[in-house]
């Protein structure tokens, strides 16, 4: 059984930092593309970052230079380091593992940026 579990969210002031984790079980994450998305109330799900099979990382323009995505295949975990947070970063952050016809999602972790 595949499980994807995000953690690390919380309330942070503008300009602050958080580090999110995405722990996967039931799959070998080195065989999957691992993506981060976010969804704010009333808005569509938004792509944030992708850790590719080749080791590269791609980012959405909205977070480039502020967020850093990394993967630790040995720990079966993907991280999202978020710096210089803004109120518009407030959302549920979701992790996605996919390859071919397989697509697995976690339930997300809430990030709220507010003073």
PDB file of N, CA and C in Angstrom:
ATOM      1  N   UNK A   1       0.849  -1.188   0.000  1.00  0.00           N
ATOM      2  CA  UNK A   1       0.000   0.000   0.000  1.00  0.00           C
ATOM      3  C   UNK A   1       0.886   1.240   0.000  1.00  0.00           C
ATOM      4  N   UNK A   2       0.572   2.157  -0.890  1.00  0.00           N
ATOM      5  CA  UNK A   2       1.346   3.384  -1.014  1.00  0.00           C
ATOM      6  C   UNK A   2       0.766   4.450  -0.088  1.00  0.00           C
ATOM      7  N   UNK A   3       1.634   5.102   0.657  1.00  0.00           N
ATOM      8  CA  UNK A   3       1.225   6.227   1.501  1.00  0.00           C
ATOM      9  C   UNK A   3       2.144   7.407   1.244  1.00  0.00           C
ATOM     10  N   UNK A   4       1.535   8.575   1.096  1.00  0.00           N
ATOM     11  CA  UNK A   4       2.257   9.827   0.941  1.00  0.00           C
ATOM     12  C   UNK A   4       1.783  10.743   2.075  1.00  0.00           C
ATOM     13  N   UNK A   5       2.695  11.173   2.934  1.00  0.00           N
ATOM     14  CA  UNK A   5       2.305  11.964   4.097  1.00  0.00           C
ATOM     15  C   UNK A   5       3.153  13.234   4.176  1.00  0.00           C
ATOM     16  N   UNK A   6       2.465  14.368   4.102  1.00  0.00           N
ATOM     17  CA  UNK A   6       3.144  15.658   4.235  1.00  0.00           C
ATOM     18  C   UNK A   6       3.115  16.120   5.689  1.00  0.00           C
ATOM     19  N   UNK A   7       4.130  16.863   6.074  1.00  0.00           N
ATOM     20  CA  UNK A   7       4.191  17.434   7.418  1.00  0.00           C
ATOM     21  C   UNK A   7       5.038  18.691   7.394  1.00  0.00           C
ATOM     22  N   UNK A   8       4.984  19.437   8.500  1.00  0.00           N
ATOM     23  CA  UNK A   8       5.827  20.613   8.638  1.00  0.00           C
ATOM     24  C   UNK A   8       5.125  21.945   8.451  1.00  0.00           C
ATOM     25  N   UNK A   9       3.858  21.907   8.105  1.00  0.00           N
ATOM     26  CA  UNK A   9       3.128  23.154   7.926  1.00  0.00           C
ATOM     27  C   UNK A   9       2.853  23.840   9.249  1.00  0.00           C
ATOM     28  N   UNK A  10       2.323  25.048   9.152  1.00  0.00           N
ATOM     29  CA  UNK A  10       1.994  25.798  10.359  1.00  0.00           C
ATOM     30  C   UNK A  10       1.748  27.248  10.052  1.00  0.00           C
ATOM     31  N   UNK A  11       1.704  28.032  11.121  1.00  0.00           N
ATOM     32  CA  UNK A  11       1.509  29.479  11.011  1.00  0.00           C
ATOM     33  C   UNK A  11       2.866  30.171  11.115  1.00  0.00           C
ATOM     34  N   UNK A  12       3.141  31.057  10.176  1.00  0.00           N
ATOM     35  CA  UNK A  12       4.421  31.761  10.161  1.00  0.00           C
ATOM     36  C   UNK A  12       4.178  33.205   9.745  1.00  0.00           C
ATOM     37  N   UNK A  13       4.991  34.098  10.256  1.00  0.00           N
ATOM     38  CA  UNK A  13       4.863  35.503   9.893  1.00  0.00           C
ATOM     39  C   UNK A  13       5.467  35.759   8.513  1.00  0.00           C
ATOM     40  N   UNK A  14       5.003  36.796   7.831  1.00  0.00           N
ATOM     41  CA  UNK A  14       5.624  37.156   6.543  1.00  0.00           C
ATOM     42  C   UNK A  14       7.131  37.341   6.708  1.00  0.00           C
ATOM     43  N   UNK A  15       7.866  36.810   5.735  1.00  0.00           N
ATOM     44  CA  UNK A  15       9.321  36.841   5.792  1.00  0.00           C
ATOM     45  C   UNK A  15       9.938  35.646   6.478  1.00  0.00           C
ATOM     46  N   UNK A  16       9.110  34.825   7.099  1.00  0.00           N
ATOM     47  CA  UNK A  16       9.597  33.660   7.817  1.00  0.00           C
ATOM     48  C   UNK A  16       9.861  32.469   6.916  1.00  0.00           C
ATOM     49  N   UNK A  17      10.221  31.357   7.562  1.00  0.00           N
ATOM     50  CA  UNK A  17      10.578  30.138   6.837  1.00  0.00           C
ATOM     51  C   UNK A  17       9.876  28.925   7.430  1.00  0.00           C
ATOM     52  N   UNK A  18       9.677  27.951   6.596  1.00  0.00           N
ATOM     53  CA  UNK A  18       9.184  26.638   7.014  1.00  0.00           C
ATOM     54  C   UNK A  18       9.849  25.593   6.143  1.00  0.00           C
ATOM     55  N   UNK A  19       9.979  24.397   6.685  1.00  0.00           N
ATOM     56  CA  UNK A  19      10.438  23.271   5.880  1.00  0.00           C
ATOM     57  C   UNK A  19       9.382  22.171   5.923  1.00  0.00           C
ATOM     58  N   UNK A  20       8.870  21.850   4.758  1.00  0.00           N
ATOM     59  CA  UNK A  20       7.890  20.783   4.629  1.00  0.00           C
ATOM     60  C   UNK A  20       8.592  19.478   4.282  1.00  0.00           C
ATOM     61  N   UNK A  21       8.008  18.385   4.752  1.00  0.00           N
ATOM     62  CA  UNK A  21       8.500  17.057   4.414  1.00  0.00           C
ATOM     63  C   UNK A  21       7.390  16.248   3.761  1.00  0.00           C
ATOM     64  N   UNK A  22       7.793  15.385   2.869  1.00  0.00           N
ATOM     65  CA  UNK A  22       6.867  14.452   2.211  1.00  0.00           C
ATOM     66  C   UNK A  22       7.467  13.059   2.345  1.00  0.00           C
ATOM     67  N   UNK A  23       6.881  12.253   3.211  1.00  0.00           N
ATOM     68  CA  UNK A  23       7.384  10.907   3.449  1.00  0.00           C
ATOM     69  C   UNK A  23       6.554   9.910   2.658  1.00  0.00           C
ATOM     70  N   UNK A  24       7.234   9.075   1.884  1.00  0.00           N
ATOM     71  CA  UNK A  24       6.552   8.088   1.050  1.00  0.00           C
ATOM     72  C   UNK A  24       6.869   6.687   1.537  1.00  0.00           C
ATOM     73  N   UNK A  25       5.872   5.839   1.539  1.00  0.00           N
ATOM     74  CA  UNK A  25       6.067   4.428   1.837  1.00  0.00           C
ATOM     75  C   UNK A  25       5.316   3.608   0.807  1.00  0.00           C
ATOM     76  N   UNK A  26       5.809   2.396   0.580  1.00  0.00           N
ATOM     77  CA  UNK A  26       5.176   1.521  -0.396  1.00  0.00           C
ATOM     78  C   UNK A  26       5.684   1.719  -1.810  1.00  0.00           C
ATOM     79  N   UNK A  27       6.564   2.715  -2.008  1.00  0.00           N
ATOM     80  CA  UNK A  27       7.205   2.933  -3.298  1.00  0.00           C
ATOM     81  C   UNK A  27       8.674   3.257  -3.078  1.00  0.00           C
ATOM     82  N   UNK A  28       9.454   3.122  -4.119  1.00  0.00           N
ATOM     83  CA  UNK A  28      10.858   3.543  -4.107  1.00  0.00           C
ATOM     84  C   UNK A  28      10.903   4.880  -4.821  1.00  0.00           C
ATOM     85  N   UNK A  29      11.080   5.953  -4.061  1.00  0.00           N
ATOM     86  CA  UNK A  29      10.864   7.280  -4.648  1.00  0.00           C
ATOM     87  C   UNK A  29      11.881   7.632  -5.722  1.00  0.00           C
ATOM     88  N   UNK A  30      13.017   6.934  -5.738  1.00  0.00           N
ATOM     89  CA  UNK A  30      13.991   7.213  -6.794  1.00  0.00           C
ATOM     90  C   UNK A  30      13.446   6.831  -8.169  1.00  0.00           C
ATOM     91  N   UNK A  31      12.376   6.049  -8.201  1.00  0.00           N
ATOM     92  CA  UNK A  31      11.756   5.645  -9.461  1.00  0.00           C
ATOM     93  C   UNK A  31      10.582   6.538  -9.855  1.00  0.00           C
ATOM     94  N   UNK A  32      10.353   7.595  -9.067  1.00  0.00           N
ATOM     95  CA  UNK A  32       9.192   8.457  -9.290  1.00  0.00           C
ATOM     96  C   UNK A  32       9.617   9.914  -9.382  1.00  0.00           C
ATOM     97  N   UNK A  33       8.888  10.659 -10.183  1.00  0.00           N
ATOM     98  CA  UNK A  33       8.961  12.113 -10.123  1.00  0.00           C
ATOM     99  C   UNK A  33       8.192  12.542  -8.876  1.00  0.00           C
ATOM    100  N   UNK A  34       8.786  13.410  -8.089  1.00  0.00           N
ATOM    101  CA  UNK A  34       8.154  13.871  -6.846  1.00  0.00           C
ATOM    102  C   UNK A  34       7.873  15.368  -6.972  1.00  0.00           C
ATOM    103  N   UNK A  35       6.620  15.710  -6.923  1.00  0.00           N
ATOM    104  CA  UNK A  35       6.196  17.096  -7.130  1.00  0.00           C
ATOM    105  C   UNK A  35       5.567  17.675  -5.867  1.00  0.00           C
ATOM    106  N   UNK A  36       5.668  18.986  -5.756  1.00  0.00           N
ATOM    107  CA  UNK A  36       4.921  19.744  -4.750  1.00  0.00           C
ATOM    108  C   UNK A  36       3.903  20.634  -5.471  1.00  0.00           C
ATOM    109  N   UNK A  37       2.703  20.657  -4.945  1.00  0.00           N
ATOM    110  CA  UNK A  37       1.642  21.546  -5.401  1.00  0.00           C
ATOM    111  C   UNK A  37       1.078  22.275  -4.177  1.00  0.00           C
ATOM    112  N   UNK A  38       0.315  23.290  -4.450  1.00  0.00           N
ATOM    113  CA  UNK A  38      -0.428  23.928  -3.371  1.00  0.00           C
ATOM    114  C   UNK A  38      -1.807  24.333  -3.863  1.00  0.00           C
ATOM    115  N   UNK A  39      -2.734  24.425  -2.927  1.00  0.00           N
ATOM    116  CA  UNK A  39      -4.091  24.833  -3.269  1.00  0.00           C
ATOM    117  C   UNK A  39      -4.624  25.755  -2.201  1.00  0.00           C
ATOM    118  N   UNK A  40      -4.948  26.969  -2.610  1.00  0.00           N
ATOM    119  CA  UNK A  40      -5.547  27.952  -1.724  1.00  0.00           C
ATOM    120  C   UNK A  40      -7.058  27.900  -1.881  1.00  0.00           C
ATOM    121  N   UNK A  41      -7.801  28.321  -0.852  1.00  0.00           N
ATOM    122  CA  UNK A  41      -9.267  28.284  -0.937  1.00  0.00           C
ATOM    123  C   UNK A  41      -9.771  29.051  -2.152  1.00  0.00           C
ATOM    124  N   UNK A  42     -10.655  28.415  -2.910  1.00  0.00           N
ATOM    125  CA  UNK A  42     -11.249  29.062  -4.065  1.00  0.00           C
ATOM    126  C   UNK A  42     -10.348  29.169  -5.272  1.00  0.00           C
ATOM    127  N   UNK A  43      -9.161  28.571  -5.202  1.00  0.00           N
ATOM    128  CA  UNK A  43      -8.223  28.659  -6.328  1.00  0.00           C
ATOM    129  C   UNK A  43      -7.888  27.270  -6.848  1.00  0.00           C
ATOM    130  N   UNK A  44      -7.388  27.231  -8.078  1.00  0.00           N
ATOM    131  CA  UNK A  44      -6.978  25.953  -8.656  1.00  0.00           C
ATOM    132  C   UNK A  44      -5.668  25.481  -8.032  1.00  0.00           C
ATOM    133  N   UNK A  45      -5.464  24.179  -8.095  1.00  0.00           N
ATOM    134  CA  UNK A  45      -4.211  23.611  -7.621  1.00  0.00           C
ATOM    135  C   UNK A  45      -3.074  24.167  -8.474  1.00  0.00           C
ATOM    136  N   UNK A  46      -2.000  24.568  -7.802  1.00  0.00           N
ATOM    137  CA  UNK A  46      -0.881  25.236  -8.461  1.00  0.00           C
ATOM    138  C   UNK A  46       0.396  24.419  -8.304  1.00  0.00           C
ATOM    139  N   UNK A  47       1.092  24.200  -9.417  1.00  0.00           N
ATOM    140  CA  UNK A  47       2.378  23.524  -9.382  1.00  0.00           C
ATOM    141  C   UNK A  47       3.410  24.410  -8.690  1.00  0.00           C
ATOM    142  N   UNK A  48       4.238  23.795  -7.825  1.00  0.00           N
ATOM    143  CA  UNK A  48       5.269  24.549  -7.106  1.00  0.00           C
ATOM    144  C   UNK A  48       6.666  24.104  -7.516  1.00  0.00           C
ATOM    145  N   UNK A  49       6.932  22.807  -7.427  1.00  0.00           N
ATOM    146  CA  UNK A  49       8.280  22.320  -7.692  1.00  0.00           C
ATOM    147  C   UNK A  49       8.228  20.851  -8.055  1.00  0.00           C
ATOM    148  N   UNK A  50       9.251  20.429  -8.817  1.00  0.00           N
ATOM    149  CA  UNK A  50       9.326  19.046  -9.245  1.00  0.00           C
ATOM    150  C   UNK A  50      10.754  18.534  -9.101  1.00  0.00           C
ATOM    151  N   UNK A  51      10.910  17.393  -8.425  1.00  0.00           N
ATOM    152  CA  UNK A  51      12.200  16.716  -8.332  1.00  0.00           C
ATOM    153  C   UNK A  51      12.174  15.584  -9.353  1.00  0.00           C
ATOM    154  N   UNK A  52      12.925  15.763 -10.428  1.00  0.00           N
ATOM    155  CA  UNK A  52      12.835  14.836 -11.553  1.00  0.00           C
ATOM    156  C   UNK A  52      13.649  13.565 -11.318  1.00  0.00           C
ATOM    157  N   UNK A  53      13.452  12.596 -12.181  1.00  0.00           N
ATOM    158  CA  UNK A  53      14.192  11.335 -12.068  1.00  0.00           C
ATOM    159  C   UNK A  53      15.679  11.538 -12.313  1.00  0.00           C
ATOM    160  N   UNK A  54      16.005  12.511 -13.136  1.00  0.00           N
ATOM    161  CA  UNK A  54      17.405  12.756 -13.448  1.00  0.00           C
ATOM    162  C   UNK A  54      18.144  13.563 -12.403  1.00  0.00           C
ATOM    163  N   UNK A  55      17.429  13.972 -11.364  1.00  0.00           N
ATOM    164  CA  UNK A  55      18.073  14.715 -10.280  1.00  0.00           C
ATOM    165  C   UNK A  55      17.872  16.221 -10.363  1.00  0.00           C
ATOM    166  N   UNK A  56      17.310  16.695 -11.469  1.00  0.00           N
ATOM    167  CA  UNK A  56      17.068  18.123 -11.577  1.00  0.00           C
ATOM    168  C   UNK A  56      15.839  18.545 -10.801  1.00  0.00           C
ATOM    169  N   UNK A  57      15.764  19.840 -10.541  1.00  0.00           N
ATOM    170  CA  UNK A  57      14.621  20.409  -9.837  1.00  0.00           C
ATOM    171  C   UNK A  57      14.059  21.548 -10.677  1.00  0.00           C
ATOM    172  N   UNK A  58      12.770  21.552 -10.880  1.00  0.00           N
ATOM    173  CA  UNK A  58      12.100  22.633 -11.594  1.00  0.00           C
ATOM    174  C   UNK A  58      11.180  23.374 -10.634  1.00  0.00           C
ATOM    175  N   UNK A  59      11.059  24.678 -10.827  1.00  0.00           N
ATOM    176  CA  UNK A  59      10.248  25.503  -9.934  1.00  0.00           C
ATOM    177  C   UNK A  59       9.273  26.365 -10.721  1.00  0.00           C
ATOM    178  N   UNK A  60       8.148  26.650 -10.076  1.00  0.00           N
ATOM    179  CA  UNK A  60       7.245  27.657 -10.619  1.00  0.00           C
ATOM    180  C   UNK A  60       7.887  29.034 -10.435  1.00  0.00           C
ATOM    181  N   UNK A  61       7.590  29.930 -11.352  1.00  0.00           N
ATOM    182  CA  UNK A  61       8.163  31.278 -11.260  1.00  0.00           C
ATOM    183  C   UNK A  61       7.791  31.965  -9.953  1.00  0.00           C
ATOM    184  N   UNK A  62       6.617  31.649  -9.421  1.00  0.00           N
ATOM    185  CA  UNK A  62       6.127  32.315  -8.218  1.00  0.00           C
ATOM    186  C   UNK A  62       6.963  32.010  -6.977  1.00  0.00           C
ATOM    187  N   UNK A  63       7.743  30.934  -7.020  1.00  0.00           N
ATOM    188  CA  UNK A  63       8.520  30.542  -5.836  1.00  0.00           C
ATOM    189  C   UNK A  63      10.015  30.478  -6.111  1.00  0.00           C
ATOM    190  N   UNK A  64      10.403  30.669  -7.366  1.00  0.00           N
ATOM    191  CA  UNK A  64      11.813  30.564  -7.728  1.00  0.00           C
ATOM    192  C   UNK A  64      12.640  31.564  -6.927  1.00  0.00           C
ATOM    193  N   UNK A  65      13.743  31.082  -6.352  1.00  0.00           N
ATOM    194  CA  UNK A  65      14.605  31.938  -5.548  1.00  0.00           C
ATOM    195  C   UNK A  65      14.219  31.981  -4.078  1.00  0.00           C
ATOM    196  N   UNK A  66      13.032  31.491  -3.754  1.00  0.00           N
ATOM    197  CA  UNK A  66      12.582  31.494  -2.347  1.00  0.00           C
ATOM    198  C   UNK A  66      12.426  30.080  -1.797  1.00  0.00           C
ATOM    199  N   UNK A  67      11.983  29.166  -2.641  1.00  0.00           N
ATOM    200  CA  UNK A  67      11.749  27.787  -2.224  1.00  0.00           C
ATOM    201  C   UNK A  67      12.841  26.886  -2.797  1.00  0.00           C
ATOM    202  N   UNK A  68      13.195  25.863  -2.012  1.00  0.00           N
ATOM    203  CA  UNK A  68      14.171  24.869  -2.467  1.00  0.00           C
ATOM    204  C   UNK A  68      13.618  23.476  -2.210  1.00  0.00           C
ATOM    205  N   UNK A  69      13.550  22.702  -3.274  1.00  0.00           N
ATOM    206  CA  UNK A  69      13.068  21.329  -3.193  1.00  0.00           C
ATOM    207  C   UNK A  69      14.263  20.381  -3.230  1.00  0.00           C
ATOM    208  N   UNK A  70      14.227  19.348  -2.393  1.00  0.00           N
ATOM    209  CA  UNK A  70      15.297  18.352  -2.403  1.00  0.00           C
ATOM    210  C   UNK A  70      14.708  16.987  -2.083  1.00  0.00           C
ATOM    211  N   UNK A  71      15.416  15.966  -2.475  1.00  0.00           N
ATOM    212  CA  UNK A  71      14.947  14.608  -2.205  1.00  0.00           C
ATOM    213  C   UNK A  71      16.066  13.808  -1.548  1.00  0.00           C
ATOM    214  N   UNK A  72      15.668  12.989  -0.569  1.00  0.00           N
ATOM    215  CA  UNK A  72      16.577  12.058   0.080  1.00  0.00           C
ATOM    216  C   UNK A  72      16.020  10.668  -0.191  1.00  0.00           C
ATOM    217  N   UNK A  73      16.531  10.039  -1.234  1.00  0.00           N
ATOM    218  CA  UNK A  73      15.984   8.739  -1.635  1.00  0.00           C
ATOM    219  C   UNK A  73      16.184   7.681  -0.548  1.00  0.00           C
ATOM    220  N   UNK A  74      17.274   7.784   0.187  1.00  0.00           N
ATOM    221  CA  UNK A  74      17.543   6.805   1.248  1.00  0.00           C
ATOM    222  C   UNK A  74      16.497   6.882   2.353  1.00  0.00           C
ATOM    223  N   UNK A  75      15.989   8.096   2.604  1.00  0.00           N
ATOM    224  CA  UNK A  75      14.960   8.280   3.632  1.00  0.00           C
ATOM    225  C   UNK A  75      13.558   8.266   3.044  1.00  0.00           C
ATOM    226  N   UNK A  76      13.477   8.077   1.733  1.00  0.00           N
ATOM    227  CA  UNK A  76      12.181   8.068   1.050  1.00  0.00           C
ATOM    228  C   UNK A  76      11.388   9.341   1.362  1.00  0.00           C
ATOM    229  N   UNK A  77      12.079  10.453   1.356  1.00  0.00           N
ATOM    230  CA  UNK A  77      11.471  11.719   1.757  1.00  0.00           C
ATOM    231  C   UNK A  77      11.895  12.830   0.800  1.00  0.00           C
ATOM    232  N   UNK A  78      10.955  13.713   0.522  1.00  0.00           N
ATOM    233  CA  UNK A  78      11.206  14.907  -0.268  1.00  0.00           C
ATOM    234  C   UNK A  78      10.919  16.111   0.615  1.00  0.00           C
ATOM    235  N   UNK A  79      11.730  17.137   0.465  1.00  0.00           N
ATOM    236  CA  UNK A  79      11.598  18.318   1.310  1.00  0.00           C
ATOM    237  C   UNK A  79      11.285  19.551   0.460  1.00  0.00           C
ATOM    238  N   UNK A  80      10.643  20.515   1.106  1.00  0.00           N
ATOM    239  CA  UNK A  80      10.431  21.814   0.474  1.00  0.00           C
ATOM    240  C   UNK A  80      10.799  22.875   1.506  1.00  0.00           C
ATOM    241  N   UNK A  81      11.951  23.484   1.321  1.00  0.00           N
ATOM    242  CA  UNK A  81      12.387  24.573   2.192  1.00  0.00           C
ATOM    243  C   UNK A  81      11.805  25.866   1.633  1.00  0.00           C
ATOM    244  N   UNK A  82      11.050  26.555   2.448  1.00  0.00           N
ATOM    245  CA  UNK A  82      10.352  27.759   2.007  1.00  0.00           C
ATOM    246  C   UNK A  82      10.862  28.949   2.811  1.00  0.00           C
ATOM    247  N   UNK A  83      11.463  29.895   2.140  1.00  0.00           N
ATOM    248  CA  UNK A  83      11.994  31.106   2.779  1.00  0.00           C
ATOM    249  C   UNK A  83      11.269  32.332   2.247  1.00  0.00           C
ATOM    250  N   UNK A  84      11.418  33.424   2.953  1.00  0.00           N
ATOM    251  CA  UNK A  84      10.816  34.699   2.541  1.00  0.00           C
ATOM    252  C   UNK A  84       9.337  34.525   2.227  1.00  0.00           C
ATOM    253  N   UNK A  85       8.644  33.870   3.121  1.00  0.00           N
ATOM    254  CA  UNK A  85       7.238  33.559   2.879  1.00  0.00           C
ATOM    255  C   UNK A  85       6.384  34.818   2.838  1.00  0.00           C
ATOM    256  N   UNK A  86       5.369  34.763   1.977  1.00  0.00           N
ATOM    257  CA  UNK A  86       4.454  35.877   1.772  1.00  0.00           C
ATOM    258  C   UNK A  86       3.033  35.423   2.097  1.00  0.00           C
ATOM    259  N   UNK A  87       2.145  36.358   2.414  1.00  0.00           N
ATOM    260  CA  UNK A  87       0.752  35.954   2.679  1.00  0.00           C
ATOM    261  C   UNK A  87       0.138  35.171   1.516  1.00  0.00           C
ATOM    262  N   UNK A  88       0.518  35.476   0.298  1.00  0.00           N
ATOM    263  CA  UNK A  88      -0.033  34.762  -0.847  1.00  0.00           C
ATOM    264  C   UNK A  88       0.489  33.338  -0.974  1.00  0.00           C
ATOM    265  N   UNK A  89       1.433  32.938  -0.130  1.00  0.00           N
ATOM    266  CA  UNK A  89       1.871  31.549  -0.091  1.00  0.00           C
ATOM    267  C   UNK A  89       0.947  30.681   0.765  1.00  0.00           C
ATOM    268  N   UNK A  90      -0.012  31.294   1.427  1.00  0.00           N
ATOM    269  CA  UNK A  90      -0.955  30.555   2.259  1.00  0.00           C
ATOM    270  C   UNK A  90      -1.754  29.579   1.412  1.00  0.00           C
ATOM    271  N   UNK A  91      -1.703  28.298   1.794  1.00  0.00           N
ATOM    272  CA  UNK A  91      -2.371  27.243   1.026  1.00  0.00           C
ATOM    273  C   UNK A  91      -2.161  25.906   1.726  1.00  0.00           C
ATOM    274  N   UNK A  92      -2.863  24.911   1.241  1.00  0.00           N
ATOM    275  CA  UNK A  92      -2.549  23.523   1.589  1.00  0.00           C
ATOM    276  C   UNK A  92      -1.497  23.049   0.592  1.00  0.00           C
ATOM    277  N   UNK A  93      -0.400  22.522   1.110  1.00  0.00           N
ATOM    278  CA  UNK A  93       0.693  22.051   0.266  1.00  0.00           C
ATOM    279  C   UNK A  93       0.619  20.530   0.164  1.00  0.00           C
ATOM    280  N   UNK A  94       0.633  20.060  -1.082  1.00  0.00           N
ATOM    281  CA  UNK A  94       0.441  18.642  -1.360  1.00  0.00           C
ATOM    282  C   UNK A  94       1.652  18.066  -2.091  1.00  0.00           C
ATOM    283  N   UNK A  95       1.933  16.819  -1.791  1.00  0.00           N
ATOM    284  CA  UNK A  95       3.022  16.089  -2.430  1.00  0.00           C
ATOM    285  C   UNK A  95       2.434  15.054  -3.388  1.00  0.00           C
ATOM    286  N   UNK A  96       3.085  14.878  -4.522  1.00  0.00           N
ATOM    287  CA  UNK A  96       2.616  13.958  -5.556  1.00  0.00           C
ATOM    288  C   UNK A  96       3.778  13.120  -6.050  1.00  0.00           C
ATOM    289  N   UNK A  97       3.581  11.810  -6.105  1.00  0.00           N
ATOM    290  CA  UNK A  97       4.561  10.891  -6.687  1.00  0.00           C
ATOM    291  C   UNK A  97       3.935  10.290  -7.939  1.00  0.00           C
ATOM    292  N   UNK A  98       4.647  10.369  -9.059  1.00  0.00           N
ATOM    293  CA  UNK A  98       4.046   9.824 -10.278  1.00  0.00           C
ATOM    294  C   UNK A  98       5.113   9.269 -11.208  1.00  0.00           C
ATOM    295  N   UNK A  99       4.647   8.303 -11.990  1.00  0.00           N
ATOM    296  CA  UNK A  99       5.411   7.756 -13.099  1.00  0.00           C
ATOM    297  C   UNK A  99       4.452   6.972 -13.968  1.00  0.00           C
ATOM    298  N   UNK A 100       4.580   7.054 -15.253  1.00  0.00           N
ATOM    299  CA  UNK A 100       3.724   6.285 -16.145  1.00  0.00           C
ATOM    300  C   UNK A 100       2.258   6.427 -15.747  1.00  0.00           C
ATOM    301  N   UNK A 101       1.592   5.325 -15.501  1.00  0.00           N
ATOM    302  CA  UNK A 101       0.185   5.348 -15.131  1.00  0.00           C
ATOM    303  C   UNK A 101      -0.066   5.400 -13.645  1.00  0.00           C
ATOM    304  N   UNK A 102       0.955   5.595 -12.848  1.00  0.00           N
ATOM    305  CA  UNK A 102       0.804   5.651 -11.401  1.00  0.00           C
ATOM    306  C   UNK A 102       0.855   7.092 -10.924  1.00  0.00           C
ATOM    307  N   UNK A 103      -0.025   7.406  -9.973  1.00  0.00           N
ATOM    308  CA  UNK A 103      -0.143   8.780  -9.492  1.00  0.00           C
ATOM    309  C   UNK A 103      -0.637   8.727  -8.050  1.00  0.00           C
ATOM    310  N   UNK A 104       0.192   9.172  -7.122  1.00  0.00           N
ATOM    311  CA  UNK A 104      -0.157   9.093  -5.703  1.00  0.00           C
ATOM    312  C   UNK A 104      -0.067  10.472  -5.064  1.00  0.00           C
ATOM    313  N   UNK A 105      -1.067  10.784  -4.231  1.00  0.00           N
ATOM    314  CA  UNK A 105      -1.155  12.086  -3.570  1.00  0.00           C
ATOM    315  C   UNK A 105      -1.264  11.917  -2.066  1.00  0.00           C
ATOM    316  N   UNK A 106      -0.689  12.867  -1.350  1.00  0.00           N
ATOM    317  CA  UNK A 106      -0.933  12.964   0.074  1.00  0.00           C
ATOM    318  C   UNK A 106      -2.136  13.842   0.340  1.00  0.00           C
ATOM    319  N   UNK A 107      -2.453  13.997   1.630  1.00  0.00           N
ATOM    320  CA  UNK A 107      -3.610  14.819   2.008  1.00  0.00           C
ATOM    321  C   UNK A 107      -3.245  16.284   2.200  1.00  0.00           C
ATOM    322  N   UNK A 108      -1.963  16.559   2.290  1.00  0.00           N
ATOM    323  CA  UNK A 108      -1.526  17.941   2.383  1.00  0.00           C
ATOM    324  C   UNK A 108      -1.247  18.410   3.800  1.00  0.00           C
ATOM    325  N   UNK A 109      -0.543  19.534   3.860  1.00  0.00           N
ATOM    326  CA  UNK A 109      -0.256  20.195   5.128  1.00  0.00           C
ATOM    327  C   UNK A 109      -0.522  21.683   4.957  1.00  0.00           C
ATOM    328  N   UNK A 110      -1.185  22.277   5.934  1.00  0.00           N
ATOM    329  CA  UNK A 110      -1.608  23.671   5.824  1.00  0.00           C
ATOM    330  C   UNK A 110      -0.450  24.613   6.163  1.00  0.00           C
ATOM    331  N   UNK A 111      -0.232  25.582   5.315  1.00  0.00           N
ATOM    332  CA  UNK A 111       0.722  26.661   5.569  1.00  0.00           C
ATOM    333  C   UNK A 111      -0.049  27.972   5.581  1.00  0.00           C
ATOM    334  N   UNK A 112       0.083  28.698   6.669  1.00  0.00           N
ATOM    335  CA  UNK A 112      -0.579  29.994   6.790  1.00  0.00           C
ATOM    336  C   UNK A 112       0.464  31.052   7.080  1.00  0.00           C
ATOM    337  N   UNK A 113       0.517  32.057   6.223  1.00  0.00           N
ATOM    338  CA  UNK A 113       1.473  33.159   6.379  1.00  0.00           C
ATOM    339  C   UNK A 113       0.677  34.405   6.740  1.00  0.00           C
ATOM    340  N   UNK A 114       0.843  34.828   7.981  1.00  0.00           N
ATOM    341  CA  UNK A 114       0.049  35.956   8.471  1.00  0.00           C
ATOM    342  C   UNK A 114       0.737  36.593   9.664  1.00  0.00           C
ATOM    343  N   UNK A 115       0.549  37.891   9.790  1.00  0.00           N
ATOM    344  CA  UNK A 115       1.078  38.593  10.955  1.00  0.00           C
ATOM    345  C   UNK A 115       0.019  38.689  12.040  1.00  0.00           C
TER     346      UNK A 115
END
